[in-house]
Amino acid sequence: MFFRQNTYHRMGKTVRGIMELFQIDKGHPHTFTKKDLRIHLGKQGFDILHCENWGYLRTWLAEFRIKKLKSIIKALLLSTLDRTLYILRKP
């Protein structure tokens, strides 16, 4: 299975939770760190054959280049995501 998911580092996940709690940014119904996602996929019976990350730093820098207030605020609050691609197999 080809699976793409945005993931956050621990600080980013915490900030996202606060933003969603106060309805600053609605966000997604589920927010994962890479570790959370690997555990969840394992519990669902998937083997991870390949994992590819875009990188937090690369995404963080891109947030500033977008020049939109929402993107800059996300970068300043360190709630930057990482675009993560998984190739999965269910034995």
PDB file of N, CA and C in Angstrom:
ATOM      1  N   MET A   1       0.839  -1.162   0.000  1.00  0.00           N
ATOM      2  CA  MET A   1       0.000   0.000   0.000  1.00  0.00           C
ATOM      3  C   MET A   1       0.893   1.237   0.000  1.00  0.00           C
ATOM      4  N   PHE A   2       0.540   2.201  -0.780  1.00  0.00           N
ATOM      5  CA  PHE A   2       1.197   3.501  -0.838  1.00  0.00           C
ATOM      6  C   PHE A   2       0.419   4.400   0.119  1.00  0.00           C
ATOM      7  N   PHE A   3       1.090   4.982   1.116  1.00  0.00           N
ATOM      8  CA  PHE A   3       0.409   5.747   2.156  1.00  0.00           C
ATOM      9  C   PHE A   3       1.203   7.011   2.458  1.00  0.00           C
ATOM     10  N   ARG A   4       0.537   8.147   2.374  1.00  0.00           N
ATOM     11  CA  ARG A   4       1.198   9.414   2.676  1.00  0.00           C
ATOM     12  C   ARG A   4       0.477  10.089   3.830  1.00  0.00           C
ATOM     13  N   GLN A   5       1.259  10.574   4.789  1.00  0.00           N
ATOM     14  CA  GLN A   5       0.674  11.180   5.977  1.00  0.00           C
ATOM     15  C   GLN A   5       1.566  12.328   6.447  1.00  0.00           C
ATOM     16  N   ASN A   6       0.940  13.402   6.883  1.00  0.00           N
ATOM     17  CA  ASN A   6       1.692  14.481   7.511  1.00  0.00           C
ATOM     18  C   ASN A   6       1.920  14.103   8.964  1.00  0.00           C
ATOM     19  N   THR A   7       3.150  14.248   9.441  1.00  0.00           N
ATOM     20  CA  THR A   7       3.482  13.937  10.823  1.00  0.00           C
ATOM     21  C   THR A   7       4.114  15.174  11.466  1.00  0.00           C
ATOM     22  N   TYR A   8       4.096  15.193  12.779  1.00  0.00           N
ATOM     23  CA  TYR A   8       4.639  16.309  13.547  1.00  0.00           C
ATOM     24  C   TYR A   8       5.667  15.794  14.545  1.00  0.00           C
ATOM     25  N   HIS A   9       6.600  16.649  14.947  1.00  0.00           N
ATOM     26  CA  HIS A   9       7.470  16.301  16.063  1.00  0.00           C
ATOM     27  C   HIS A   9       6.642  16.504  17.333  1.00  0.00           C
ATOM     28  N   ARG A  10       7.148  16.096  18.489  1.00  0.00           N
ATOM     29  CA  ARG A  10       6.351  16.162  19.728  1.00  0.00           C
ATOM     30  C   ARG A  10       5.870  17.575  20.049  1.00  0.00           C
ATOM     31  N   MET A  11       6.744  18.555  19.908  1.00  0.00           N
ATOM     32  CA  MET A  11       6.351  19.946  20.189  1.00  0.00           C
ATOM     33  C   MET A  11       5.252  20.389  19.228  1.00  0.00           C
ATOM     34  N   GLY A  12       5.409  20.058  17.967  1.00  0.00           N
ATOM     35  CA  GLY A  12       4.405  20.421  16.965  1.00  0.00           C
ATOM     36  C   GLY A  12       3.057  19.786  17.239  1.00  0.00           C
ATOM     37  N   LYS A  13       3.065  18.538  17.689  1.00  0.00           N
ATOM     38  CA  LYS A  13       1.812  17.847  18.011  1.00  0.00           C
ATOM     39  C   LYS A  13       1.114  18.525  19.187  1.00  0.00           C
ATOM     40  N   THR A  14       1.890  18.946  20.174  1.00  0.00           N
ATOM     41  CA  THR A  14       1.321  19.643  21.336  1.00  0.00           C
ATOM     42  C   THR A  14       0.705  20.978  20.920  1.00  0.00           C
ATOM     43  N   VAL A  15       1.435  21.748  20.125  1.00  0.00           N
ATOM     44  CA  VAL A  15       0.930  23.040  19.654  1.00  0.00           C
ATOM     45  C   VAL A  15      -0.319  22.844  18.812  1.00  0.00           C
ATOM     46  N   ARG A  16      -0.302  21.830  17.924  1.00  0.00           N
ATOM     47  CA  ARG A  16      -1.493  21.537  17.093  1.00  0.00           C
ATOM     48  C   ARG A  16      -2.693  21.242  17.980  1.00  0.00           C
ATOM     49  N   GLY A  17      -2.485  20.454  19.033  1.00  0.00           N
ATOM     50  CA  GLY A  17      -3.575  20.126  19.948  1.00  0.00           C
ATOM     51  C   GLY A  17      -4.163  21.358  20.604  1.00  0.00           C
ATOM     52  N   ILE A  18      -3.310  22.282  21.014  1.00  0.00           N
ATOM     53  CA  ILE A  18      -3.782  23.531  21.632  1.00  0.00           C
ATOM     54  C   ILE A  18      -4.540  24.378  20.613  1.00  0.00           C
ATOM     55  N   MET A  19      -4.007  24.473  19.398  1.00  0.00           N
ATOM     56  CA  MET A  19      -4.672  25.259  18.350  1.00  0.00           C
ATOM     57  C   MET A  19      -6.043  24.686  18.026  1.00  0.00           C
ATOM     58  N   GLU A  20      -6.148  23.367  18.001  1.00  0.00           N
ATOM     59  CA  GLU A  20      -7.431  22.733  17.711  1.00  0.00           C
ATOM     60  C   GLU A  20      -8.391  22.892  18.883  1.00  0.00           C
ATOM     61  N   LEU A  21      -7.884  22.788  20.113  1.00  0.00           N
ATOM     62  CA  LEU A  21      -8.711  22.942  21.310  1.00  0.00           C
ATOM     63  C   LEU A  21      -9.377  24.311  21.348  1.00  0.00           C
ATOM     64  N   PHE A  22      -8.615  25.350  21.042  1.00  0.00           N
ATOM     65  CA  PHE A  22      -9.142  26.710  21.054  1.00  0.00           C
ATOM     66  C   PHE A  22      -9.701  27.146  19.697  1.00  0.00           C
ATOM     67  N   GLN A  23      -9.811  26.207  18.785  1.00  0.00           N
ATOM     68  CA  GLN A  23     -10.371  26.414  17.451  1.00  0.00           C
ATOM     69  C   GLN A  23      -9.666  27.533  16.687  1.00  0.00           C
ATOM     70  N   ILE A  24      -8.347  27.646  16.898  1.00  0.00           N
ATOM     71  CA  ILE A  24      -7.541  28.595  16.131  1.00  0.00           C
ATOM     72  C   ILE A  24      -7.346  28.055  14.719  1.00  0.00           C
ATOM     73  N   ASP A  25      -7.130  26.762  14.639  1.00  0.00           N
ATOM     74  CA  ASP A  25      -6.985  26.069  13.361  1.00  0.00           C
ATOM     75  C   ASP A  25      -7.626  24.703  13.552  1.00  0.00           C
ATOM     76  N   LYS A  26      -8.681  24.423  12.793  1.00  0.00           N
ATOM     77  CA  LYS A  26      -9.447  23.191  12.996  1.00  0.00           C
ATOM     78  C   LYS A  26      -8.582  21.942  12.889  1.00  0.00           C
ATOM     79  N   GLY A  27      -7.707  21.909  11.910  1.00  0.00           N
ATOM     80  CA  GLY A  27      -6.800  20.779  11.789  1.00  0.00           C
ATOM     81  C   GLY A  27      -7.466  19.499  11.334  1.00  0.00           C
ATOM     82  N   HIS A  28      -6.872  18.412  11.703  1.00  0.00           N
ATOM     83  CA  HIS A  28      -7.245  17.073  11.283  1.00  0.00           C
ATOM     84  C   HIS A  28      -7.809  16.320  12.475  1.00  0.00           C
ATOM     85  N   PRO A  29      -8.640  15.314  12.270  1.00  0.00           N
ATOM     86  CA  PRO A  29      -9.134  14.562  13.439  1.00  0.00           C
ATOM     87  C   PRO A  29      -8.048  13.749  14.134  1.00  0.00           C
ATOM     88  N   HIS A  30      -6.934  13.474  13.458  1.00  0.00           N
ATOM     89  CA  HIS A  30      -5.833  12.711  14.049  1.00  0.00           C
ATOM     90  C   HIS A  30      -4.515  13.415  13.753  1.00  0.00           C
ATOM     91  N   THR A  31      -3.698  13.555  14.780  1.00  0.00           N
ATOM     92  CA  THR A  31      -2.381  14.149  14.629  1.00  0.00           C
ATOM     93  C   THR A  31      -1.366  13.139  15.132  1.00  0.00           C
ATOM     94  N   PHE A  32      -0.378  12.813  14.294  1.00  0.00           N
ATOM     95  CA  PHE A  32       0.601  11.781  14.617  1.00  0.00           C
ATOM     96  C   PHE A  32       2.016  12.323  14.629  1.00  0.00           C
ATOM     97  N   THR A  33       2.840  11.780  15.516  1.00  0.00           N
ATOM     98  CA  THR A  33       4.281  11.886  15.364  1.00  0.00           C
ATOM     99  C   THR A  33       4.674  10.675  14.526  1.00  0.00           C
ATOM    100  N   LYS A  34       5.904  10.635  14.051  1.00  0.00           N
ATOM    101  CA  LYS A  34       6.345   9.459  13.278  1.00  0.00           C
ATOM    102  C   LYS A  34       6.267   8.195  14.134  1.00  0.00           C
ATOM    103  N   LYS A  35       6.660   8.323  15.406  1.00  0.00           N
ATOM    104  CA  LYS A  35       6.622   7.178  16.313  1.00  0.00           C
ATOM    105  C   LYS A  35       5.180   6.697  16.525  1.00  0.00           C
ATOM    106  N   ASP A  36       4.248   7.640  16.762  1.00  0.00           N
ATOM    107  CA  ASP A  36       2.832   7.283  16.927  1.00  0.00           C
ATOM    108  C   ASP A  36       2.318   6.516  15.709  1.00  0.00           C
ATOM    109  N   LEU A  37       2.664   7.033  14.538  1.00  0.00           N
ATOM    110  CA  LEU A  37       2.168   6.434  13.304  1.00  0.00           C
ATOM    111  C   LEU A  37       2.739   5.033  13.086  1.00  0.00           C
ATOM    112  N   ARG A  38       4.016   4.854  13.362  1.00  0.00           N
ATOM    113  CA  ARG A  38       4.623   3.522  13.222  1.00  0.00           C
ATOM    114  C   ARG A  38       3.958   2.517  14.169  1.00  0.00           C
ATOM    115  N   ILE A  39       3.699   2.941  15.393  1.00  0.00           N
ATOM    116  CA  ILE A  39       3.014   2.058  16.355  1.00  0.00           C
ATOM    117  C   ILE A  39       1.615   1.721  15.855  1.00  0.00           C
ATOM    118  N   HIS A  40       0.885   2.729  15.396  1.00  0.00           N
ATOM    119  CA  HIS A  40      -0.486   2.515  14.900  1.00  0.00           C
ATOM    120  C   HIS A  40      -0.500   1.575  13.694  1.00  0.00           C
ATOM    121  N   LEU A  41       0.411   1.789  12.757  1.00  0.00           N
ATOM    122  CA  LEU A  41       0.465   0.922  11.579  1.00  0.00           C
ATOM    123  C   LEU A  41       0.808  -0.513  11.974  1.00  0.00           C
ATOM    124  N   GLY A  42       1.721  -0.673  12.921  1.00  0.00           N
ATOM    125  CA  GLY A  42       2.073  -2.010  13.414  1.00  0.00           C
ATOM    126  C   GLY A  42       0.891  -2.711  14.062  1.00  0.00           C
ATOM    127  N   LYS A  43       0.104  -1.973  14.847  1.00  0.00           N
ATOM    128  CA  LYS A  43      -1.082  -2.556  15.493  1.00  0.00           C
ATOM    129  C   LYS A  43      -2.121  -2.988  14.461  1.00  0.00           C
ATOM    130  N   GLN A  44      -2.120  -2.319  13.315  1.00  0.00           N
ATOM    131  CA  GLN A  44      -3.056  -2.675  12.248  1.00  0.00           C
ATOM    132  C   GLN A  44      -2.527  -3.819  11.385  1.00  0.00           C
ATOM    133  N   GLY A  45      -1.335  -4.303  11.705  1.00  0.00           N
ATOM    134  CA  GLY A  45      -0.776  -5.452  11.005  1.00  0.00           C
ATOM    135  C   GLY A  45       0.049  -5.135   9.770  1.00  0.00           C
ATOM    136  N   PHE A  46       0.474  -3.878   9.613  1.00  0.00           N
ATOM    137  CA  PHE A  46       1.256  -3.501   8.444  1.00  0.00           C
ATOM    138  C   PHE A  46       2.748  -3.584   8.723  1.00  0.00           C
ATOM    139  N   ASP A  47       3.494  -4.025   7.726  1.00  0.00           N
ATOM    140  CA  ASP A  47       4.948  -3.939   7.738  1.00  0.00           C
ATOM    141  C   ASP A  47       5.327  -2.720   6.914  1.00  0.00           C
ATOM    142  N   ILE A  48       6.278  -1.941   7.394  1.00  0.00           N
ATOM    143  CA  ILE A  48       6.756  -0.776   6.651  1.00  0.00           C
ATOM    144  C   ILE A  48       7.930  -1.230   5.780  1.00  0.00           C
ATOM    145  N   LEU A  49       7.723  -1.201   4.477  1.00  0.00           N
ATOM    146  CA  LEU A  49       8.756  -1.607   3.532  1.00  0.00           C
ATOM    147  C   LEU A  49       9.697  -0.454   3.192  1.00  0.00           C
ATOM    148  N   HIS A  50       9.151   0.757   3.188  1.00  0.00           N
ATOM    149  CA  HIS A  50       9.940   1.934   2.815  1.00  0.00           C
ATOM    150  C   HIS A  50       9.315   3.156   3.478  1.00  0.00           C
ATOM    151  N   CYS A  51      10.157   4.069   3.938  1.00  0.00           N
ATOM    152  CA  CYS A  51       9.695   5.326   4.528  1.00  0.00           C
ATOM    153  C   CYS A  51      10.552   6.453   3.965  1.00  0.00           C
ATOM    154  N   GLU A  52       9.905   7.506   3.534  1.00  0.00           N
ATOM    155  CA  GLU A  52      10.604   8.650   2.957  1.00  0.00           C
ATOM    156  C   GLU A  52      10.034   9.922   3.567  1.00  0.00           C
ATOM    157  N   ASN A  53      10.898  10.793   4.055  1.00  0.00           N
ATOM    158  CA  ASN A  53      10.457  12.035   4.691  1.00  0.00           C
ATOM    159  C   ASN A  53      10.921  13.241   3.895  1.00  0.00           C
ATOM    160  N   TRP A  54      10.096  14.278   3.906  1.00  0.00           N
ATOM    161  CA  TRP A  54      10.470  15.535   3.268  1.00  0.00           C
ATOM    162  C   TRP A  54      11.378  16.314   4.202  1.00  0.00           C
ATOM    163  N   GLY A  55      11.158  16.210   5.501  1.00  0.00           N
ATOM    164  CA  GLY A  55      11.998  16.844   6.516  1.00  0.00           C
ATOM    165  C   GLY A  55      11.356  18.057   7.152  1.00  0.00           C
ATOM    166  N   TYR A  56      11.416  18.116   8.489  1.00  0.00           N
ATOM    167  CA  TYR A  56      10.826  19.245   9.210  1.00  0.00           C
ATOM    168  C   TYR A  56      11.484  20.564   8.842  1.00  0.00           C
ATOM    169  N   LEU A  57      12.808  20.577   8.779  1.00  0.00           N
ATOM    170  CA  LEU A  57      13.514  21.823   8.480  1.00  0.00           C
ATOM    171  C   LEU A  57      13.130  22.352   7.104  1.00  0.00           C
ATOM    172  N   ARG A  58      13.078  21.483   6.133  1.00  0.00           N
ATOM    173  CA  ARG A  58      12.711  21.878   4.766  1.00  0.00           C
ATOM    174  C   ARG A  58      11.291  22.462   4.732  1.00  0.00           C
ATOM    175  N   THR A  59      10.367  21.816   5.444  1.00  0.00           N
ATOM    176  CA  THR A  59       8.989  22.302   5.501  1.00  0.00           C
ATOM    177  C   THR A  59       8.915  23.615   6.261  1.00  0.00           C
ATOM    178  N   TRP A  60       9.678  23.712   7.363  1.00  0.00           N
ATOM    179  CA  TRP A  60       9.685  24.922   8.190  1.00  0.00           C
ATOM    180  C   TRP A  60      10.140  26.114   7.360  1.00  0.00           C
ATOM    181  N   LEU A  61      11.209  25.956   6.597  1.00  0.00           N
ATOM    182  CA  LEU A  61      11.700  27.032   5.741  1.00  0.00           C
ATOM    183  C   LEU A  61      10.682  27.388   4.654  1.00  0.00           C
ATOM    184  N   ALA A  62      10.010  26.388   4.114  1.00  0.00           N
ATOM    185  CA  ALA A  62       8.994  26.624   3.080  1.00  0.00           C
ATOM    186  C   ALA A  62       7.821  27.426   3.625  1.00  0.00           C
ATOM    187  N   GLU A  63       7.492  27.243   4.913  1.00  0.00           N
ATOM    188  CA  GLU A  63       6.395  28.002   5.536  1.00  0.00           C
ATOM    189  C   GLU A  63       6.662  29.506   5.436  1.00  0.00           C
ATOM    190  N   PHE A  64       7.901  29.924   5.604  1.00  0.00           N
ATOM    191  CA  PHE A  64       8.240  31.343   5.506  1.00  0.00           C
ATOM    192  C   PHE A  64       8.191  31.837   4.062  1.00  0.00           C
ATOM    193  N   ARG A  65       8.581  30.982   3.126  1.00  0.00           N
ATOM    194  CA  ARG A  65       8.574  31.388   1.715  1.00  0.00           C
ATOM    195  C   ARG A  65       7.176  31.563   1.163  1.00  0.00           C
ATOM    196  N   ILE A  66       6.191  30.882   1.759  1.00  0.00           N
ATOM    197  CA  ILE A  66       4.809  30.983   1.283  1.00  0.00           C
ATOM    198  C   ILE A  66       4.288  32.404   1.467  1.00  0.00           C
ATOM    199  N   LYS A  67       4.767  33.092   2.498  1.00  0.00           N
ATOM    200  CA  LYS A  67       4.424  34.490   2.781  1.00  0.00           C
ATOM    201  C   LYS A  67       2.945  34.687   3.083  1.00  0.00           C
ATOM    202  N   LYS A  68       2.316  33.683   3.670  1.00  0.00           N
ATOM    203  CA  LYS A  68       0.941  33.822   4.153  1.00  0.00           C
ATOM    204  C   LYS A  68       1.006  33.836   5.675  1.00  0.00           C
ATOM    205  N   LEU A  69       0.187  34.666   6.285  1.00  0.00           N
ATOM    206  CA  LEU A  69       0.228  34.838   7.732  1.00  0.00           C
ATOM    207  C   LEU A  69       0.069  33.514   8.474  1.00  0.00           C
ATOM    208  N   LYS A  70      -0.886  32.687   8.055  1.00  0.00           N
ATOM    209  CA  LYS A  70      -1.131  31.403   8.722  1.00  0.00           C
ATOM    210  C   LYS A  70       0.119  30.508   8.666  1.00  0.00           C
ATOM    211  N   SER A  71       0.782  30.469   7.538  1.00  0.00           N
ATOM    212  CA  SER A  71       1.990  29.649   7.384  1.00  0.00           C
ATOM    213  C   SER A  71       3.120  30.167   8.264  1.00  0.00           C
ATOM    214  N   ILE A  72       3.277  31.474   8.323  1.00  0.00           N
ATOM    215  CA  ILE A  72       4.336  32.060   9.147  1.00  0.00           C
ATOM    216  C   ILE A  72       4.065  31.809  10.625  1.00  0.00           C
ATOM    217  N   ILE A  73       2.815  31.938  11.049  1.00  0.00           N
ATOM    218  CA  ILE A  73       2.462  31.666  12.446  1.00  0.00           C
ATOM    219  C   ILE A  73       2.745  30.210  12.797  1.00  0.00           C
ATOM    220  N   LYS A  74       2.376  29.277  11.904  1.00  0.00           N
ATOM    221  CA  LYS A  74       2.662  27.860  12.147  1.00  0.00           C
ATOM    222  C   LYS A  74       4.162  27.633  12.311  1.00  0.00           C
ATOM    223  N   ALA A  75       4.963  28.286  11.487  1.00  0.00           N
ATOM    224  CA  ALA A  75       6.416  28.134  11.580  1.00  0.00           C
ATOM    225  C   ALA A  75       6.941  28.714  12.888  1.00  0.00           C
ATOM    226  N   LEU A  76       6.463  29.885  13.263  1.00  0.00           N
ATOM    227  CA  LEU A  76       6.923  30.519  14.501  1.00  0.00           C
ATOM    228  C   LEU A  76       6.520  29.721  15.739  1.00  0.00           C
ATOM    229  N   LEU A  77       5.376  29.044  15.669  1.00  0.00           N
ATOM    230  CA  LEU A  77       4.906  28.220  16.795  1.00  0.00           C
ATOM    231  C   LEU A  77       5.493  26.806  16.774  1.00  0.00           C
ATOM    232  N   LEU A  78       6.335  26.530  15.782  1.00  0.00           N
ATOM    233  CA  LEU A  78       6.978  25.218  15.621  1.00  0.00           C
ATOM    234  C   LEU A  78       5.972  24.085  15.451  1.00  0.00           C
ATOM    235  N   SER A  79       4.866  24.379  14.786  1.00  0.00           N
ATOM    236  CA  SER A  79       3.875  23.327  14.503  1.00  0.00           C
ATOM    237  C   SER A  79       3.989  22.872  13.052  1.00  0.00           C
ATOM    238  N   THR A  80       5.201  22.897  12.543  1.00  0.00           N
ATOM    239  CA  THR A  80       5.484  22.501  11.168  1.00  0.00           C
ATOM    240  C   THR A  80       5.368  20.987  11.023  1.00  0.00           C
ATOM    241  N   LEU A  81       4.806  20.558   9.931  1.00  0.00           N
ATOM    242  CA  LEU A  81       4.634  19.132   9.675  1.00  0.00           C
ATOM    243  C   LEU A  81       5.757  18.600   8.799  1.00  0.00           C
ATOM    244  N   ASP A  82       5.815  17.303   8.704  1.00  0.00           N
ATOM    245  CA  ASP A  82       6.736  16.636   7.789  1.00  0.00           C
ATOM    246  C   ASP A  82       5.902  15.754   6.879  1.00  0.00           C
ATOM    247  N   ARG A  83       6.096  15.883   5.605  1.00  0.00           N
ATOM    248  CA  ARG A  83       5.387  15.025   4.647  1.00  0.00           C
ATOM    249  C   ARG A  83       6.095  13.684   4.608  1.00  0.00           C
ATOM    250  N   THR A  84       5.394  12.662   5.010  1.00  0.00           N
ATOM    251  CA  THR A  84       5.998  11.331   5.127  1.00  0.00           C
ATOM    252  C   THR A  84       5.279  10.352   4.205  1.00  0.00           C
ATOM    253  N   LEU A  85       6.050   9.590   3.464  1.00  0.00           N
ATOM    254  CA  LEU A  85       5.528   8.595   2.541  1.00  0.00           C
ATOM    255  C   LEU A  85       5.930   7.209   3.044  1.00  0.00           C
ATOM    256  N   TYR A  86       4.969   6.316   3.100  1.00  0.00           N
ATOM    257  CA  TYR A  86       5.225   4.938   3.490  1.00  0.00           C
ATOM    258  C   TYR A  86       4.786   3.998   2.370  1.00  0.00           C
ATOM    259  N   ILE A  87       5.542   2.961   2.189  1.00  0.00           N
ATOM    260  CA  ILE A  87       5.087   1.832   1.370  1.00  0.00           C
ATOM    261  C   ILE A  87       4.924   0.693   2.357  1.00  0.00           C
ATOM    262  N   LEU A  88       3.705   0.185   2.423  1.00  0.00           N
ATOM    263  CA  LEU A  88       3.317  -0.780   3.445  1.00  0.00           C
ATOM    264  C   LEU A  88       2.925  -2.119   2.814  1.00  0.00           C
ATOM    265  N   ARG A  89       3.003  -3.140   3.629  1.00  0.00           N
ATOM    266  CA  ARG A  89       2.562  -4.468   3.209  1.00  0.00           C
ATOM    267  C   ARG A  89       1.844  -5.105   4.380  1.00  0.00           C
ATOM    268  N   LYS A  90       0.773  -5.777   4.071  1.00  0.00           N
ATOM    269  CA  LYS A  90       0.071  -6.532   5.095  1.00  0.00           C
ATOM    270  C   LYS A  90       0.293  -8.016   4.792  1.00  0.00           C
ATOM    271  N   PRO A  91       1.095  -8.681   5.640  1.00  0.00           N
ATOM    272  CA  PRO A  91       1.436 -10.087   5.351  1.00  0.00           C
ATOM    273  C   PRO A  91       0.219 -11.007   5.380  1.00  0.00           C
TER     274      PRO A  91
END
